[in-house]
Amino acid sequence: MAQAAVGSADGTEAPLLPSSAAETPPPAPRRNWFAFACATLASVTTMLNGYNLTLMSGAELFMREDVGLTDAQVEVLSGSMNFFMLASILAAGGVADYLGRRRTLVLANAFLMAGALAMSLSHSFAALMAARFVTSVGAGFARVVGPVYNAEISPASTRGVLSSMLDMFINVGILLSYVSNYAFSGLPVHLGWRVMFGIGVIPPVFIVAGVLFVMPESPRWLVMQGRHGDARAVLLRTSDAPADADLRLGEMKRADADAEPPHAAARHGGGGAGGGVWKQLLVRPSTSVRRILTCVLGLQFFVMASGVDAILLYSPLVFKAVGMVSNSTDLGATVAIGAVKTCFILLGMLFTDRLGRRPLLLASTAGVAVTTAALAVTLYIGTSTTSSSSSSSTATAAACLALVLAVVATFSVGYGTVAPAYTAEVLPMRLRAQGSSLAMAVNKLTAALVSMTFISLADVITMPGCFFLYAAVTAAAFVFVYTRLPETKGRSLEDMEVLFHK
């Protein structure tokens, strides 16, 4: 009779079971589809983050005339969301530990819905800034809690794909914002941009319904609350096999038992945990935690210092610098950017668990450095020959568009796919929520500095100079990834501290 080996909790093989016993559990694909559905619901909230972040790239053309915005006000509105998100990002870890991952996602959608409604009804710069802040609170919660939930709900075999879904939905939101810019550009000036923002009210209603009626709480949060029976019930639905569910539960219990007293005292409400967790992160981190933080914070800094937000927010300015003068052409080019970004995010997702995190990150950093440098050269040639023949100008513009798409593609296949998943999976369970908050704060602060200084920096060192700078920073990122980041493919979340302690 055929037999099947079952792995035990200590990693050795348990006695062989008859094939009939091995065939008793429900098939793995059905359980993985449930994990996929949960990860999708946690990720789709971030679609509204991407939508709201880049919608300004086209909406501002109408807002200038309708509300009377100045260039400086447009730049502040475009980049302020990253700054405003810092407050909710830093608070999100504590909120997620206190309320749970699921209820925090509901709260995020409530803020996103209120912010979209307020943006569409605003009639002044001050009202727009207030609405932007409300939207940013929801976006910050979603950006922290989404990857944490996905990492905690996913089995190790598919964690890379499920954790990467977050950035796929962000990029779907970016693509939809560009499509919205293009689709509603024909409406009256006072109405077009309001419709663009107003349609963001609808998705949160359906997302909240899905979260409340379909999505269970994170099993790791349930273990932190001492609800082991509930955690096992969730794990049975999201693991590859019942034996894996029991193994994961045992690892979570051990990790929770090994947590520092401030964390353990925070059960059943989380009160008082915040100070102890931040102390373990920043004041007295262990050797492994210090190495993890170095990798996580460094990776999040380099992701945004690559200058991708300058392309996403100011690509029309880049295209105009090489001779594109038609607004419709510029908006059409931004749709192409969104489509390419989404497609390569999907490609990266397919290979995250097959090739591993390091190969994708190394390929991405090298690709972004090379294509960004080539874009800088093209911009230098284009801005130096703006008075040349129309055929030469057209060729330069086409080359510029192709290289912008190449930068976005190489960024998305690794940086855009792996960085959030890597951050969420390497942080220890007791520090994951606040650690993710800190990492995302670094990400958004760097993004804000890039997005709110690009125009001014281009005036000082020229636009080609900006992209030469971004290329140099990304070359440094390649060295950082090669020397500092270990591979995490296939490892359990509870095993990460051991990996970084080596």
Protein backbone atom coordinates (compact mmCIF):
# COMPACT_ATOMS: atom_id res chain seq x y z
CA MET A 1 0.00 0.00 0.00
CA ALA A 2 1.34 3.48 -0.86
CA GLN A 3 2.38 5.58 2.10
CA ALA A 4 2.91 9.30 2.75
CA ALA A 5 5.32 10.94 5.21
CA VAL A 6 4.04 13.67 7.48
CA GLY A 7 6.35 16.38 8.85
CA SER A 8 6.45 16.78 12.61
CA ALA A 9 6.80 19.99 14.57
CA ASP A 10 10.57 19.60 15.07
CA GLY A 11 11.19 19.25 11.33
CA THR A 12 11.75 15.46 11.32
CA GLU A 13 9.55 12.99 9.48
CA ALA A 14 6.79 11.36 11.49
CA PRO A 15 5.93 7.71 10.89
CA LEU A 16 4.52 7.01 7.48
CA LEU A 17 0.75 6.98 7.13
CA PRO A 18 -1.33 4.90 4.73
CA SER A 19 -2.25 6.74 1.57
CA SER A 20 -5.92 6.58 2.53
CA ALA A 21 -5.18 8.60 5.66
CA ALA A 22 -3.12 11.06 3.70
CA GLU A 23 -6.01 11.56 1.32
CA THR A 24 -8.50 12.26 4.13
CA PRO A 25 -7.89 16.07 4.44
CA PRO A 26 -9.67 18.33 1.95
CA PRO A 27 -7.59 19.19 -1.10
CA ALA A 28 -5.04 21.98 -0.59
CA PRO A 29 -6.21 24.18 -3.49
CA ARG A 30 -9.55 24.86 -1.80
CA ARG A 31 -7.89 26.07 1.39
CA ASN A 32 -5.41 28.14 -0.60
CA TRP A 33 -8.29 29.72 -2.49
CA PHE A 34 -9.73 30.83 0.85
CA ALA A 35 -6.36 32.34 1.83
CA PHE A 36 -6.30 34.01 -1.59
CA ALA A 37 -9.77 35.50 -0.99
CA CYS A 38 -8.73 36.82 2.43
CA ALA A 39 -5.54 38.36 1.06
CA THR A 40 -7.51 39.93 -1.78
CA LEU A 41 -9.91 41.64 0.62
CA ALA A 42 -7.04 42.92 2.74
CA SER A 43 -5.22 44.18 -0.36
CA VAL A 44 -8.03 45.79 -2.32
CA THR A 45 -8.27 48.67 0.18
CA THR A 46 -4.85 49.82 -0.99
CA MET A 47 -6.27 50.21 -4.51
CA LEU A 48 -7.89 53.40 -3.20
CA ASN A 49 -4.51 54.51 -1.89
CA GLY A 50 -2.97 54.26 -5.36
CA TYR A 51 -6.04 55.87 -6.93
CA ASN A 52 -6.05 58.91 -4.65
CA LEU A 53 -2.28 59.33 -4.68
CA THR A 54 -1.86 59.74 -8.45
CA LEU A 55 -5.29 61.14 -9.38
CA MET A 56 -3.87 64.62 -8.83
CA SER A 57 -1.58 64.21 -11.87
CA GLY A 58 -4.53 64.84 -14.19
CA ALA A 59 -7.17 66.33 -11.89
CA GLU A 60 -4.98 69.34 -11.13
CA LEU A 61 -5.41 70.54 -14.72
CA PHE A 62 -9.09 71.16 -13.92
CA MET A 63 -8.66 72.16 -10.26
CA ARG A 64 -6.39 75.05 -11.24
CA GLU A 65 -9.20 76.66 -13.22
CA ASP A 66 -12.14 75.70 -10.99
CA VAL A 67 -10.66 76.37 -7.54
CA GLY A 68 -7.94 78.79 -8.64
CA LEU A 69 -4.98 76.75 -7.39
CA THR A 70 -1.45 78.07 -7.85
CA ASP A 71 1.58 76.00 -8.88
CA ALA A 72 2.79 75.89 -5.28
CA GLN A 73 -0.63 74.72 -4.02
CA VAL A 74 -0.74 71.98 -6.66
CA GLU A 75 2.70 70.74 -5.62
CA VAL A 76 1.66 70.72 -1.94
CA LEU A 77 -1.59 68.87 -2.68
CA SER A 78 0.23 66.31 -4.83
CA GLY A 79 2.91 65.51 -2.28
CA SER A 80 1.12 66.18 1.02
CA MET A 81 -0.62 62.81 1.10
CA ASN A 82 2.70 61.09 1.79
CA PHE A 83 3.40 63.49 4.69
CA PHE A 84 -0.13 63.24 6.09
CA MET A 85 0.06 59.45 6.03
CA LEU A 86 2.91 59.51 8.54
CA ALA A 87 0.53 60.15 11.45
CA SER A 88 -1.75 57.19 10.74
CA ILE A 89 1.14 54.96 9.67
CA LEU A 90 2.88 55.42 13.02
CA ALA A 91 -0.40 54.88 14.88
CA ALA A 92 -1.53 51.93 12.76
CA GLY A 93 0.60 49.31 14.51
CA GLY A 94 -0.82 50.10 17.93
CA VAL A 95 -4.36 50.35 16.56
CA ALA A 96 -4.01 47.00 14.77
CA ASP A 97 -2.70 45.34 17.94
CA TYR A 98 -5.54 46.83 20.01
CA LEU A 99 -8.53 46.46 17.65
CA GLY A 100 -7.25 43.61 15.51
CA ARG A 101 -6.25 43.59 11.85
CA ARG A 102 -9.81 43.12 10.57
CA ARG A 103 -11.46 46.00 12.42
CA THR A 104 -8.57 48.30 11.54
CA LEU A 105 -9.20 47.61 7.85
CA VAL A 106 -12.87 48.55 8.34
CA LEU A 107 -11.73 51.80 9.97
CA ALA A 108 -9.36 52.48 7.07
CA ASN A 109 -12.19 52.13 4.55
CA ALA A 110 -14.39 54.49 6.56
CA PHE A 111 -11.72 57.20 6.39
CA LEU A 112 -11.14 56.58 2.67
CA MET A 113 -14.84 56.93 1.92
CA ALA A 114 -15.15 60.13 3.97
CA GLY A 115 -12.03 61.59 2.35
CA ALA A 116 -13.24 60.89 -1.20
CA LEU A 117 -16.59 62.53 -0.46
CA ALA A 118 -14.93 65.56 1.12
CA MET A 119 -12.53 66.00 -1.83
CA SER A 120 -15.38 65.97 -4.35
CA LEU A 121 -17.33 68.62 -2.39
CA SER A 122 -14.43 70.99 -1.61
CA HIS A 123 -14.40 74.56 -2.92
CA SER A 124 -11.13 75.95 -1.49
CA PHE A 125 -7.50 75.00 -1.02
CA ALA A 126 -7.98 74.70 2.77
CA ALA A 127 -10.93 72.33 2.33
CA LEU A 128 -8.96 70.25 -0.16
CA MET A 129 -6.05 69.95 2.29
CA ALA A 130 -8.42 68.86 5.09
CA ALA A 131 -10.02 66.26 2.81
CA ARG A 132 -6.57 65.09 1.73
CA PHE A 133 -5.67 64.55 5.38
CA VAL A 134 -8.78 62.43 6.05
CA THR A 135 -8.01 60.30 2.98
CA SER A 136 -4.42 59.91 4.15
CA VAL A 137 -5.48 58.52 7.54
CA GLY A 138 -7.33 55.67 5.83
CA ALA A 139 -4.52 55.12 3.33
CA GLY A 140 -1.94 54.93 6.12
CA PHE A 141 -3.91 52.34 8.06
CA ALA A 142 -4.38 50.23 4.92
CA ARG A 143 -0.71 50.39 3.92
CA VAL A 144 0.44 49.05 7.29
CA VAL A 145 -2.29 46.57 8.19
CA GLY A 146 -2.75 45.08 4.70
CA PRO A 147 0.75 43.56 4.38
CA VAL A 148 0.76 42.50 8.04
CA TYR A 149 -2.54 40.63 7.62
CA ASN A 150 -1.48 39.01 4.36
CA ALA A 151 1.82 37.79 5.82
CA GLU A 152 0.05 36.39 8.88
CA ILE A 153 -2.79 34.65 7.02
CA SER A 154 -0.66 33.08 4.28
CA PRO A 155 0.97 29.63 4.35
CA ALA A 156 4.72 29.71 3.68
CA SER A 157 4.26 28.03 0.29
CA THR A 158 2.31 30.99 -1.16
CA ARG A 159 3.23 33.85 1.18
CA GLY A 160 5.27 35.66 -1.45
CA VAL A 161 2.39 35.77 -3.94
CA LEU A 162 -0.29 36.65 -1.40
CA SER A 163 1.82 39.33 0.28
CA SER A 164 2.66 40.84 -3.11
CA MET A 165 -1.01 41.26 -3.98
CA LEU A 166 -1.00 44.50 -2.02
CA ASP A 167 1.17 46.29 -4.52
CA MET A 168 -0.75 44.80 -7.41
CA PHE A 169 -3.89 46.51 -6.15
CA ILE A 170 -2.03 49.76 -5.48
CA ASN A 171 -0.98 49.72 -9.11
CA VAL A 172 -4.48 48.84 -10.26
CA GLY A 173 -5.56 51.97 -8.39
CA ILE A 174 -2.85 54.00 -10.11
CA LEU A 175 -3.96 52.70 -13.49
CA LEU A 176 -7.61 53.47 -12.71
CA SER A 177 -6.67 57.02 -11.68
CA TYR A 178 -4.97 57.60 -15.04
CA VAL A 179 -7.96 56.09 -16.86
CA SER A 180 -10.26 58.31 -14.79
CA ASN A 181 -8.21 61.39 -15.71
CA TYR A 182 -8.55 60.51 -19.37
CA ALA A 183 -12.20 59.37 -19.29
CA PHE A 184 -13.62 62.38 -17.45
CA SER A 185 -11.43 65.04 -19.05
CA GLY A 186 -14.29 65.92 -21.43
CA LEU A 187 -16.70 66.93 -18.64
CA PRO A 188 -17.18 70.59 -17.66
CA VAL A 189 -14.27 72.00 -15.67
CA HIS A 190 -16.25 72.37 -12.44
CA LEU A 191 -17.54 68.78 -12.65
CA GLY A 192 -14.78 66.58 -14.13
CA TRP A 193 -12.32 66.53 -11.24
CA ARG A 194 -15.14 66.17 -8.68
CA VAL A 195 -16.41 63.04 -10.43
CA MET A 196 -12.84 61.68 -10.49
CA PHE A 197 -12.62 61.91 -6.70
CA GLY A 198 -16.29 61.20 -6.00
CA ILE A 199 -16.31 57.69 -7.47
CA GLY A 200 -13.86 56.75 -4.70
CA VAL A 201 -16.82 56.75 -2.28
CA ILE A 202 -18.33 53.58 -3.74
CA PRO A 203 -15.63 50.83 -3.39
CA PRO A 204 -15.20 51.09 0.43
CA VAL A 205 -18.85 50.10 0.96
CA PHE A 206 -18.34 46.77 -0.82
CA ILE A 207 -14.90 46.21 0.71
CA VAL A 208 -16.25 46.65 4.25
CA ALA A 209 -19.06 44.18 3.52
CA GLY A 210 -16.51 41.63 2.31
CA VAL A 211 -14.24 42.14 5.33
CA LEU A 212 -17.10 41.76 7.80
CA PHE A 213 -18.81 38.76 6.20
CA VAL A 214 -15.93 36.80 4.61
CA MET A 215 -12.56 37.65 6.11
CA PRO A 216 -11.51 36.09 9.47
CA GLU A 217 -9.20 37.72 11.95
CA SER A 218 -5.44 37.10 11.66
CA PRO A 219 -4.52 33.85 13.47
CA ARG A 220 -1.39 35.44 14.90
CA TRP A 221 -3.39 38.28 16.44
CA LEU A 222 -5.80 35.70 17.88
CA VAL A 223 -2.85 33.87 19.47
CA MET A 224 -1.61 37.16 20.92
CA GLN A 225 -5.04 37.49 22.56
CA GLY A 226 -4.92 33.94 23.93
CA ARG A 227 -7.70 32.76 21.58
CA HIS A 228 -5.95 29.60 20.44
CA GLY A 229 -9.10 27.73 19.43
CA ASP A 230 -10.19 30.54 17.11
CA ALA A 231 -6.68 30.77 15.69
CA ARG A 232 -6.64 27.04 14.91
CA ALA A 233 -10.01 27.30 13.17
CA VAL A 234 -8.62 30.00 10.87
CA LEU A 235 -5.40 28.07 10.26
CA LEU A 236 -7.31 24.96 9.24
CA ARG A 237 -8.92 27.00 6.46
CA THR A 238 -5.74 28.75 5.28
CA SER A 239 -3.03 26.08 5.63
CA ASP A 240 -1.97 23.53 3.03
CA ALA A 241 -2.93 20.62 5.31
CA PRO A 242 -4.28 20.09 8.85
CA ALA A 243 -0.80 19.03 9.98
CA ASP A 244 0.55 22.35 8.72
CA ALA A 245 -2.16 24.19 10.67
CA ASP A 246 -1.13 22.51 13.91
CA LEU A 247 2.55 23.14 13.15
CA ARG A 248 1.91 26.84 12.48
CA LEU A 249 -0.18 27.14 15.63
CA GLY A 250 2.57 25.58 17.70
CA GLU A 251 5.14 27.99 16.27
CA MET A 252 2.87 30.95 17.03
CA LYS A 253 2.34 29.80 20.62
CA ARG A 254 6.07 29.43 21.16
CA ALA A 255 6.77 32.85 19.63
CA ASP A 256 4.08 34.40 21.82
CA ALA A 257 5.42 32.67 24.93
CA ASP A 258 8.93 33.95 24.15
CA ALA A 259 7.66 37.54 23.82
CA GLU A 260 8.88 40.13 26.33
CA PRO A 261 6.64 40.77 29.37
CA PRO A 262 5.34 44.16 28.10
CA HIS A 263 3.86 42.38 25.10
CA ALA A 264 2.48 39.46 27.07
CA ALA A 265 0.79 41.83 29.52
CA ALA A 266 -1.01 43.48 26.65
CA ARG A 267 -3.35 40.58 25.94
CA HIS A 268 -7.11 41.05 25.92
CA GLY A 269 -7.05 44.63 24.72
CA GLY A 270 -3.42 45.43 24.07
CA GLY A 271 -3.21 48.11 26.74
CA GLY A 272 0.34 49.15 27.53
CA ALA A 273 1.92 47.19 24.74
CA GLY A 274 2.92 50.13 22.63
CA GLY A 275 5.68 51.44 24.87
CA GLY A 276 7.19 48.00 25.42
CA VAL A 277 7.15 47.16 21.72
CA TRP A 278 8.74 50.46 20.70
CA LYS A 279 11.39 49.91 23.36
CA GLN A 280 12.19 46.49 21.90
CA LEU A 281 12.38 48.03 18.43
CA LEU A 282 14.36 51.21 19.07
CA VAL A 283 15.82 51.35 22.61
CA ARG A 284 17.00 47.83 23.42
CA PRO A 285 16.69 45.74 20.26
CA SER A 286 18.29 42.31 20.18
CA THR A 287 21.02 41.60 17.64
CA SER A 288 18.60 39.89 15.25
CA VAL A 289 15.99 42.65 15.59
CA ARG A 290 18.65 45.30 14.94
CA ARG A 291 19.70 43.51 11.75
CA ILE A 292 16.09 43.08 10.66
CA LEU A 293 15.38 46.79 11.20
CA THR A 294 18.47 47.77 9.23
CA CYS A 295 17.32 45.66 6.29
CA VAL A 296 13.68 46.74 6.47
CA LEU A 297 14.26 50.48 6.90
CA GLY A 298 17.07 50.54 4.35
CA LEU A 299 14.95 48.71 1.78
CA GLN A 300 11.98 51.05 2.28
CA PHE A 301 14.22 54.10 1.93
CA PHE A 302 15.81 52.87 -1.30
CA VAL A 303 12.44 51.90 -2.82
CA MET A 304 11.20 55.48 -2.79
CA ALA A 305 14.59 57.19 -3.22
CA SER A 306 14.68 55.56 -6.67
CA GLY A 307 12.51 58.48 -7.82
CA VAL A 308 9.54 56.43 -8.99
CA ASP A 309 7.10 58.94 -7.49
CA ALA A 310 8.64 61.68 -9.61
CA ILE A 311 7.62 59.66 -12.68
CA LEU A 312 4.18 58.74 -11.37
CA LEU A 313 3.26 62.28 -10.34
CA TYR A 314 5.15 64.41 -12.84
CA SER A 315 5.44 62.32 -16.01
CA PRO A 316 3.52 65.00 -18.01
CA LEU A 317 6.29 67.47 -17.11
CA VAL A 318 8.93 64.93 -18.17
CA PHE A 319 7.22 64.42 -21.52
CA LYS A 320 6.78 68.16 -22.09
CA ALA A 321 10.52 68.63 -21.50
CA VAL A 322 11.23 66.60 -24.67
CA GLY A 323 8.58 68.16 -26.87
CA MET A 324 5.22 66.58 -26.04
CA VAL A 325 2.83 69.52 -25.79
CA SER A 326 -0.61 67.94 -26.14
CA ASN A 327 -2.51 67.31 -22.89
CA SER A 328 -4.38 64.38 -24.44
CA THR A 329 -1.09 62.79 -25.53
CA ASP A 330 0.37 63.27 -22.07
CA LEU A 331 -2.68 61.73 -20.36
CA GLY A 332 -2.62 58.83 -22.83
CA ALA A 333 1.04 58.23 -21.99
CA THR A 334 0.20 58.10 -18.27
CA VAL A 335 -2.37 55.38 -18.98
CA ALA A 336 0.41 53.38 -20.65
CA ILE A 337 2.56 53.88 -17.53
CA GLY A 338 -0.22 52.54 -15.31
CA ALA A 339 -0.81 49.53 -17.58
CA VAL A 340 2.88 48.59 -17.74
CA LYS A 341 3.27 48.99 -13.99
CA THR A 342 0.32 46.70 -13.28
CA CYS A 343 1.44 44.04 -15.77
CA PHE A 344 4.96 43.84 -14.34
CA ILE A 345 3.66 43.71 -10.78
CA LEU A 346 1.71 40.63 -11.85
CA LEU A 347 4.84 39.18 -13.46
CA GLY A 348 6.81 39.75 -10.26
CA MET A 349 4.09 38.04 -8.24
CA LEU A 350 4.40 34.93 -10.38
CA PHE A 351 8.11 34.61 -9.63
CA THR A 352 8.30 35.75 -5.99
CA ASP A 353 7.86 32.24 -4.58
CA ARG A 354 9.61 30.50 -7.49
CA LEU A 355 12.82 32.51 -7.80
CA GLY A 356 12.95 34.00 -4.31
CA ARG A 357 13.10 37.55 -2.97
CA ARG A 358 16.80 38.30 -3.47
CA PRO A 359 17.03 37.51 -7.21
CA LEU A 360 14.04 39.72 -7.98
CA LEU A 361 15.34 42.58 -5.85
CA LEU A 362 18.81 42.38 -7.40
CA ALA A 363 17.41 42.28 -10.93
CA SER A 364 15.06 45.17 -10.14
CA THR A 365 17.67 47.46 -8.59
CA ALA A 366 20.11 46.83 -11.43
CA GLY A 367 17.39 47.41 -14.03
CA VAL A 368 16.11 50.62 -12.45
CA ALA A 369 19.66 52.02 -12.15
CA VAL A 370 20.45 51.35 -15.82
CA THR A 371 17.12 52.53 -17.27
CA THR A 372 17.01 55.65 -15.08
CA ALA A 373 20.52 56.60 -16.18
CA ALA A 374 19.48 56.06 -19.81
CA LEU A 375 16.41 58.23 -19.23
CA ALA A 376 18.64 60.98 -17.83
CA VAL A 377 20.83 60.85 -20.94
CA THR A 378 17.77 61.00 -23.19
CA LEU A 379 16.38 63.97 -21.28
CA TYR A 380 19.73 65.72 -21.54
CA ILE A 381 19.75 65.21 -25.31
CA GLY A 382 16.07 66.17 -25.62
CA THR A 383 16.30 69.36 -23.56
CA SER A 384 19.46 70.38 -25.42
CA THR A 385 17.88 69.97 -28.86
CA THR A 386 14.33 71.28 -28.35
CA SER A 387 14.75 73.57 -31.35
CA SER A 388 15.89 70.74 -33.66
CA SER A 389 13.80 69.23 -36.47
CA SER A 390 10.40 67.80 -35.67
CA SER A 391 11.51 64.28 -36.66
CA SER A 392 14.41 64.41 -34.20
CA SER A 393 12.11 65.76 -31.49
CA THR A 394 9.58 63.00 -32.14
CA ALA A 395 12.27 60.33 -31.93
CA THR A 396 13.55 61.76 -28.65
CA ALA A 397 10.04 61.91 -27.21
CA ALA A 398 9.41 58.29 -28.24
CA ALA A 399 12.70 57.22 -26.65
CA CYS A 400 11.79 59.13 -23.49
CA LEU A 401 8.41 57.39 -23.26
CA ALA A 402 9.99 53.98 -23.87
CA LEU A 403 12.57 54.54 -21.13
CA VAL A 404 9.95 55.81 -18.67
CA LEU A 405 8.03 52.59 -19.29
CA ALA A 406 11.27 50.61 -18.85
CA VAL A 407 11.96 52.29 -15.49
CA VAL A 408 8.43 51.55 -14.32
CA ALA A 409 8.64 47.93 -15.54
CA THR A 410 11.98 47.14 -13.85
CA PHE A 411 10.81 48.88 -10.66
CA SER A 412 7.54 46.97 -10.52
CA VAL A 413 8.90 43.47 -11.14
CA GLY A 414 11.04 43.54 -7.97
CA TYR A 415 10.92 46.70 -5.90
CA GLY A 416 7.18 47.09 -6.28
CA THR A 417 6.45 43.41 -5.65
CA VAL A 418 8.95 42.20 -3.08
CA ALA A 419 9.65 45.12 -0.72
CA PRO A 420 6.30 45.18 1.15
CA ALA A 421 6.18 41.38 1.41
CA TYR A 422 9.79 41.18 2.63
CA THR A 423 9.16 43.86 5.25
CA ALA A 424 6.09 42.15 6.67
CA GLU A 425 7.53 38.63 6.75
CA VAL A 426 10.92 39.28 8.39
CA LEU A 427 9.64 41.24 11.41
CA PRO A 428 9.01 39.13 14.55
CA MET A 429 5.36 38.48 15.45
CA ARG A 430 5.42 40.62 18.61
CA LEU A 431 6.93 43.56 16.70
CA ARG A 432 5.32 43.12 13.28
CA ALA A 433 2.57 45.74 13.45
CA GLN A 434 4.67 48.56 14.93
CA GLY A 435 7.73 47.54 12.91
CA SER A 436 5.67 47.72 9.72
CA SER A 437 4.43 51.15 10.82
CA LEU A 438 8.00 52.37 11.23
CA ALA A 439 9.06 50.93 7.87
CA MET A 440 6.11 52.49 6.06
CA ALA A 441 6.82 55.83 7.77
CA VAL A 442 10.32 55.77 6.28
CA ASN A 443 8.81 54.85 2.92
CA LYS A 444 6.31 57.71 2.95
CA LEU A 445 8.73 60.30 4.31
CA THR A 446 11.16 59.49 1.51
CA ALA A 447 8.32 59.54 -1.04
CA ALA A 448 7.17 62.93 0.25
CA LEU A 449 10.67 64.37 -0.04
CA VAL A 450 10.95 63.13 -3.63
CA SER A 451 7.47 64.24 -4.72
CA MET A 452 7.61 67.66 -3.05
CA THR A 453 11.12 68.57 -4.20
CA PHE A 454 11.25 67.27 -7.79
CA ILE A 455 10.25 70.53 -9.50
CA SER A 456 12.49 72.67 -7.27
CA LEU A 457 15.40 70.24 -7.57
CA ALA A 458 15.03 70.20 -11.36
CA ASP A 459 15.34 73.99 -11.36
CA VAL A 460 18.66 73.68 -9.51
CA ILE A 461 20.37 70.63 -11.08
CA THR A 462 18.13 70.25 -14.19
CA MET A 463 15.70 67.42 -14.86
CA PRO A 464 18.39 65.12 -16.30
CA GLY A 465 20.43 65.81 -13.18
CA CYS A 466 17.53 64.59 -11.00
CA PHE A 467 17.40 61.26 -12.81
CA PHE A 468 21.18 60.85 -12.71
CA LEU A 469 20.88 61.30 -8.93
CA TYR A 470 18.09 58.70 -8.70
CA ALA A 471 20.17 56.27 -10.78
CA ALA A 472 23.16 56.67 -8.43
CA VAL A 473 20.97 56.04 -5.37
CA THR A 474 19.54 52.89 -6.97
CA ALA A 475 23.04 51.62 -7.76
CA ALA A 476 23.77 51.96 -4.04
CA ALA A 477 20.56 50.02 -3.37
CA PHE A 478 21.89 47.11 -5.45
CA VAL A 479 24.96 46.92 -3.20
CA PHE A 480 22.74 47.12 -0.10
CA VAL A 481 20.51 44.25 -1.23
CA TYR A 482 23.48 42.10 -2.27
CA THR A 483 25.38 42.53 1.01
CA ARG A 484 22.61 42.79 3.61
CA LEU A 485 19.39 41.00 2.64
CA PRO A 486 19.17 37.20 3.13
CA GLU A 487 16.74 35.00 1.21
CA THR A 488 13.45 34.26 3.02
CA LYS A 489 11.66 32.04 0.49
CA GLY A 490 9.98 29.03 2.09
CA ARG A 491 10.81 29.94 5.69
CA SER A 492 8.15 30.21 8.39
CA LEU A 493 7.54 33.65 9.90
CA GLU A 494 8.62 32.39 13.31
CA ASP A 495 12.01 31.32 11.87
CA MET A 496 13.07 34.78 10.70
CA GLU A 497 14.87 35.85 13.86
CA VAL A 498 17.02 32.72 13.63
CA LEU A 499 17.88 33.58 10.04
CA PHE A 500 18.96 37.12 10.92
CA HIS A 501 20.83 35.99 14.05
CA LYS A 502 23.37 34.12 11.90
